[in-house]
Amino acid sequence: MGSMPHARDATDTDGLTVGQASARLGVTVRALHHWDEIGLARPSLRTAAGYRLYTAGDLERLQRVVVYRELGLGLDRIRAVLDDAAADVPGALRAQRSQVAERIDRLQRLGAGLDRLIEAHERGLLLTAGQQAAIFGPQWDPDWPARAGQRYGDTAQWQQYAERSAARGPEEWQAVADANAALDRALGEAMDAGVTPGSPEANRLVERHRAVFASYFPLTRQMQVCLGRMYESDPGFAAHYDGVRPGLAPWFRRIIDANARAHGIDPGTATWQ
């Protein structure tokens, strides 16, 4: 645009002040000042007191700036669209529409991911009861994830578990189940073979357990000691391990404790951290 005219002083009824224009258009005064400074949309009049006023024509240009900005055009592109008679306005808008469509697609995918994460936080497992039974076995309780969420839902570990759960489908969970089953077999075979707590083979099994368990959330050695206690004392876990080999739960706890001592951890005082 050309330089701002000063042919006459304006009266307060000739236009809108910056504040009034800001309120009418729903943009900040700071934005209007910036557009004025860069020559994108300037107020055409000035009162005798020095206040700048936007005329009806100025407001029309401002409205177009606002519309194009809402559509995502940059200020330089807006200037070209408004001031260049040869500008390909439809082409510019079509290109912007394509970008908007891409953003909409990304946002829809993000929304779907957020819905899945919310559901994972609430349900624990995004699998049907039938899928859970097929993957984890008929003895699996499909209500356990929901109960665990009610009990542990405010912990960092549950949040990590939910994030992993949200990203997994049946095939990924099958791989997790297979890794756990293979570990159970290895533990039973090691106990049968007389592997002693603190031995290199026992320690490798303990570290393997931490690696397999990491599919749920990262497991520190202190946390692993706490799990070892629970495996032995909790009737459900004890029954699971005893189903693999009678007496496996206390043996498993002992090799976990021995490995912890080798890393300077007192199993008697270990806490969930």
Protein backbone atom coordinates (compact mmCIF):
# COMPACT_ATOMS: atom_id res chain seq x y z
CA MET A 1 0.00 0.00 0.00
CA GLY A 2 1.10 3.59 -0.41
CA SER A 3 2.09 5.90 2.39
CA MET A 4 -0.60 6.87 4.86
CA PRO A 5 -2.43 10.04 3.75
CA HIS A 6 -2.26 13.16 5.91
CA ALA A 7 -4.31 15.47 3.69
CA ARG A 8 -6.71 16.24 6.47
CA ASP A 9 -7.26 15.63 10.09
CA ALA A 10 -9.89 12.99 10.79
CA THR A 11 -12.62 13.20 13.34
CA ASP A 12 -13.38 10.39 15.76
CA THR A 13 -16.37 9.40 13.61
CA ASP A 14 -14.31 8.83 10.45
CA GLY A 15 -13.04 5.39 11.43
CA LEU A 16 -12.09 2.96 14.16
CA THR A 17 -9.16 3.21 16.54
CA VAL A 18 -6.68 0.35 16.82
CA GLY A 19 -8.45 -0.89 19.93
CA GLN A 20 -11.86 -0.78 18.28
CA ALA A 21 -10.58 -2.55 15.17
CA SER A 22 -8.95 -5.17 17.36
CA ALA A 23 -12.23 -5.87 19.14
CA ARG A 24 -14.26 -5.97 15.95
CA LEU A 25 -11.92 -8.32 14.08
CA GLY A 26 -10.92 -10.53 17.01
CA VAL A 27 -7.19 -9.95 16.61
CA THR A 28 -4.72 -8.47 19.04
CA VAL A 29 -3.64 -4.85 19.06
CA ARG A 30 -0.09 -6.15 18.82
CA ALA A 31 -0.93 -7.92 15.54
CA LEU A 32 -2.48 -4.77 14.11
CA HIS A 33 0.60 -2.74 15.08
CA HIS A 34 2.83 -5.35 13.43
CA TRP A 35 0.82 -5.37 10.21
CA ASP A 36 1.00 -1.59 10.20
CA GLU A 37 4.79 -1.61 10.72
CA ILE A 38 5.40 -4.02 7.83
CA GLY A 39 3.00 -2.18 5.54
CA LEU A 40 0.55 -5.06 5.23
CA ALA A 41 -2.52 -3.23 6.55
CA ARG A 42 -2.17 0.36 7.65
CA PRO A 43 -4.76 2.75 9.11
CA SER A 44 -5.33 5.46 6.52
CA LEU A 45 -6.26 8.39 8.78
CA ARG A 46 -4.94 10.16 11.82
CA THR A 47 -6.86 12.42 14.18
CA ALA A 48 -5.65 15.87 15.18
CA ALA A 49 -4.58 14.30 18.46
CA GLY A 50 -2.41 11.81 16.60
CA TYR A 51 -4.59 8.70 16.93
CA ARG A 52 -4.64 6.38 13.94
CA LEU A 53 -7.99 5.39 12.48
CA TYR A 54 -9.02 2.54 10.21
CA THR A 55 -11.46 3.48 7.46
CA ALA A 56 -14.08 1.14 6.00
CA GLY A 57 -11.64 0.29 3.20
CA ASP A 58 -8.89 -0.40 5.73
CA LEU A 59 -11.21 -2.72 7.65
CA GLU A 60 -12.10 -4.59 4.47
CA ARG A 61 -8.40 -5.21 3.81
CA LEU A 62 -7.88 -6.22 7.43
CA GLN A 63 -10.75 -8.68 7.18
CA ARG A 64 -9.12 -10.30 4.18
CA VAL A 65 -5.81 -10.49 6.05
CA VAL A 66 -7.56 -12.19 8.95
CA VAL A 67 -9.30 -14.70 6.67
CA TYR A 68 -6.13 -15.61 4.79
CA ARG A 69 -4.16 -15.87 8.02
CA GLU A 70 -6.81 -18.22 9.44
CA LEU A 71 -6.38 -20.34 6.32
CA GLY A 72 -2.69 -20.62 7.13
CA LEU A 73 -1.12 -18.30 4.59
CA GLY A 74 2.04 -16.53 5.67
CA LEU A 75 2.09 -12.73 5.80
CA ASP A 76 4.31 -12.41 2.72
CA ARG A 77 1.97 -14.66 0.77
CA ILE A 78 -1.01 -12.63 1.98
CA ARG A 79 0.64 -9.43 0.79
CA ALA A 80 1.17 -10.95 -2.65
CA VAL A 81 -2.43 -12.14 -2.85
CA LEU A 82 -3.76 -8.71 -1.86
CA ASP A 83 -1.41 -6.46 -3.81
CA ASP A 84 -0.31 -8.39 -6.91
CA ALA A 85 -2.96 -8.15 -9.63
CA ALA A 86 -1.27 -11.05 -11.45
CA ALA A 87 -1.23 -13.28 -8.39
CA ASP A 88 -2.79 -16.72 -8.87
CA VAL A 89 -5.18 -16.47 -5.94
CA PRO A 90 -7.10 -19.69 -6.69
CA GLY A 91 -3.81 -21.55 -7.09
CA ALA A 92 -2.52 -20.24 -3.79
CA LEU A 93 -5.74 -21.21 -2.05
CA ARG A 94 -5.73 -24.68 -3.61
CA ALA A 95 -2.17 -25.25 -2.40
CA GLN A 96 -3.18 -24.10 1.05
CA ARG A 97 -6.24 -26.35 0.96
CA SER A 98 -3.98 -29.32 0.22
CA GLN A 99 -1.84 -28.45 3.25
CA VAL A 100 -4.95 -28.09 5.41
CA ALA A 101 -6.15 -31.52 4.26
CA GLU A 102 -2.80 -33.02 5.25
CA ARG A 103 -3.01 -31.39 8.67
CA ILE A 104 -6.56 -32.66 9.12
CA ASP A 105 -5.38 -36.19 8.30
CA ARG A 106 -2.52 -35.90 10.81
CA LEU A 107 -4.88 -34.57 13.47
CA GLN A 108 -7.37 -37.37 12.82
CA ARG A 109 -4.60 -39.93 13.27
CA LEU A 110 -3.51 -38.13 16.43
CA GLY A 111 -7.08 -38.16 17.71
CA ALA A 112 -7.38 -41.90 17.05
CA GLY A 113 -4.10 -42.46 18.90
CA LEU A 114 -5.31 -40.40 21.85
CA ASP A 115 -8.56 -42.35 21.99
CA ARG A 116 -6.58 -45.59 22.02
CA LEU A 117 -4.28 -44.32 24.78
CA ILE A 118 -7.22 -43.18 26.90
CA GLU A 119 -8.84 -46.59 26.48
CA ALA A 120 -5.56 -48.32 27.36
CA HIS A 121 -5.30 -46.28 30.57
CA GLU A 122 -8.84 -47.26 31.51
CA ARG A 123 -8.91 -50.89 30.36
CA GLY A 124 -5.26 -51.97 30.53
CA LEU A 125 -5.52 -54.27 27.52
CA LEU A 126 -7.10 -53.35 24.20
CA LEU A 127 -8.05 -56.95 23.48
CA THR A 128 -11.39 -58.71 23.61
CA ALA A 129 -11.92 -61.40 26.22
CA GLY A 130 -11.66 -64.00 23.45
CA GLN A 131 -8.37 -62.59 22.20
CA GLN A 132 -6.97 -62.55 25.74
CA ALA A 133 -7.92 -66.21 26.28
CA ALA A 134 -6.38 -67.21 22.96
CA ILE A 135 -3.12 -65.37 23.72
CA PHE A 136 -2.67 -65.83 27.46
CA GLY A 137 -4.49 -69.14 27.92
CA PRO A 138 -7.89 -70.19 29.27
CA GLN A 139 -6.76 -69.66 32.85
CA TRP A 140 -6.30 -65.93 32.18
CA ASP A 141 -8.72 -63.62 33.98
CA PRO A 142 -9.87 -60.95 31.46
CA ASP A 143 -11.03 -58.72 34.33
CA TRP A 144 -7.53 -58.53 35.82
CA PRO A 145 -6.28 -55.58 33.68
CA ALA A 146 -9.25 -53.41 34.72
CA ARG A 147 -8.73 -54.28 38.40
CA ALA A 148 -5.02 -53.55 38.07
CA GLY A 149 -5.86 -50.19 36.51
CA GLN A 150 -8.08 -49.30 39.46
CA ARG A 151 -5.32 -50.26 41.87
CA TYR A 152 -2.24 -48.92 40.09
CA GLY A 153 -3.71 -46.37 37.68
CA ASP A 154 -2.06 -43.39 39.38
CA THR A 155 1.47 -44.82 39.22
CA ALA A 156 4.15 -44.01 36.68
CA GLN A 157 4.48 -47.73 35.91
CA TRP A 158 0.83 -48.02 34.94
CA GLN A 159 1.19 -45.01 32.65
CA GLN A 160 4.17 -46.66 30.97
CA TYR A 161 2.26 -49.93 30.69
CA ALA A 162 -0.75 -48.16 29.17
CA GLU A 163 1.45 -46.42 26.59
CA ARG A 164 2.93 -49.77 25.54
CA SER A 165 -0.50 -51.40 25.56
CA ALA A 166 -1.98 -48.69 23.33
CA ALA A 167 0.65 -49.43 20.69
CA ARG A 168 0.11 -53.21 20.65
CA GLY A 169 -2.28 -55.42 18.79
CA PRO A 170 -2.89 -59.17 19.15
CA GLU A 171 0.30 -60.16 17.30
CA GLU A 172 2.50 -58.01 19.53
CA TRP A 173 0.82 -59.33 22.66
CA GLN A 174 1.28 -62.89 21.37
CA ALA A 175 5.02 -62.21 21.15
CA VAL A 176 5.00 -60.93 24.75
CA ALA A 177 3.10 -64.02 25.91
CA ASP A 178 5.49 -66.32 24.03
CA ALA A 179 8.51 -64.63 25.65
CA ASN A 180 6.99 -65.08 29.11
CA ALA A 181 6.15 -68.73 28.42
CA ALA A 182 9.68 -69.39 27.20
CA LEU A 183 11.07 -67.78 30.35
CA ASP A 184 8.82 -69.93 32.54
CA ARG A 185 10.09 -73.05 30.80
CA ALA A 186 13.69 -71.95 31.22
CA LEU A 187 13.14 -71.27 34.92
CA GLY A 188 11.56 -74.70 35.46
CA GLU A 189 14.35 -76.46 33.58
CA ALA A 190 17.01 -74.58 35.53
CA MET A 191 15.43 -75.52 38.87
CA ASP A 192 15.23 -79.17 37.75
CA ALA A 193 18.91 -79.03 36.80
CA GLY A 194 19.89 -77.82 40.27
CA VAL A 195 20.97 -74.33 39.22
CA THR A 196 21.92 -72.51 42.43
CA PRO A 197 21.09 -68.91 43.38
CA GLY A 198 23.99 -66.57 42.64
CA SER A 199 25.42 -68.76 39.88
CA PRO A 200 26.08 -67.25 36.46
CA GLU A 201 23.21 -69.22 34.92
CA ALA A 202 20.79 -68.13 37.65
CA ASN A 203 21.86 -64.50 37.26
CA ARG A 204 21.35 -64.70 33.49
CA LEU A 205 17.80 -65.91 34.09
CA VAL A 206 17.15 -63.03 36.48
CA GLU A 207 18.40 -60.52 33.91
CA ARG A 208 16.33 -62.25 31.24
CA HIS A 209 13.28 -61.80 33.46
CA ARG A 210 13.97 -58.05 33.70
CA ALA A 211 14.30 -57.84 29.90
CA VAL A 212 11.07 -59.77 29.28
CA PHE A 213 9.20 -57.78 31.93
CA ALA A 214 10.30 -54.54 30.26
CA SER A 215 7.55 -55.17 27.71
CA TYR A 216 5.22 -53.87 30.45
CA PHE A 217 7.41 -51.16 31.99
CA PRO A 218 11.09 -50.71 32.91
CA LEU A 219 11.95 -52.86 35.93
CA THR A 220 14.71 -51.87 38.34
CA ARG A 221 16.47 -54.55 40.40
CA GLN A 222 14.84 -53.25 43.58
CA MET A 223 11.44 -53.48 41.94
CA GLN A 224 12.33 -56.98 40.79
CA VAL A 225 13.03 -58.00 44.40
CA CYS A 226 9.55 -56.73 45.33
CA LEU A 227 8.07 -58.78 42.50
CA GLY A 228 9.96 -61.86 43.69
CA ARG A 229 8.35 -61.51 47.10
CA MET A 230 4.93 -61.15 45.49
CA TYR A 231 5.47 -64.17 43.23
CA GLU A 232 5.99 -66.26 46.35
CA SER A 233 3.36 -64.72 48.65
CA ASP A 234 0.49 -63.93 46.28
CA PRO A 235 -1.72 -67.01 45.85
CA GLY A 236 -2.39 -66.31 42.18
CA PHE A 237 1.25 -65.85 41.20
CA ALA A 238 2.40 -68.73 43.42
CA ALA A 239 -0.15 -71.02 41.77
CA HIS A 240 1.07 -69.95 38.34
CA TYR A 241 4.70 -70.76 39.08
CA ASP A 242 3.86 -73.93 40.97
CA GLY A 243 1.91 -74.94 37.88
CA VAL A 244 5.18 -74.69 35.93
CA ARG A 245 7.15 -76.59 38.61
CA PRO A 246 6.20 -77.25 42.24
CA GLY A 247 8.28 -74.93 44.40
CA LEU A 248 9.31 -72.68 41.50
CA ALA A 249 7.99 -69.47 43.12
CA PRO A 250 10.30 -69.59 46.21
CA TRP A 251 13.23 -70.73 44.06
CA PHE A 252 12.63 -67.85 41.68
CA ARG A 253 12.56 -65.40 44.59
CA ARG A 254 15.87 -66.78 45.89
CA ILE A 255 17.70 -66.33 42.59
CA ILE A 256 16.31 -62.79 42.31
CA ASP A 257 17.52 -61.98 45.82
CA ALA A 258 20.97 -63.44 45.16
CA ASN A 259 21.33 -61.39 41.99
CA ALA A 260 20.26 -58.26 43.88
CA ARG A 261 22.92 -58.84 46.56
CA ALA A 262 25.56 -59.13 43.83
CA HIS A 263 24.56 -55.61 42.79
CA GLY A 264 24.73 -54.18 46.32
CA ILE A 265 21.00 -54.39 47.08
CA ASP A 266 19.73 -55.78 50.39
CA PRO A 267 16.61 -57.80 49.52
CA GLY A 268 15.34 -57.37 53.05
CA THR A 269 15.06 -53.59 52.67
CA ALA A 270 14.41 -53.25 48.93
CA THR A 271 11.47 -51.01 48.04
CA TRP A 272 9.51 -50.29 44.87
CA GLN A 273 11.80 -47.75 43.30
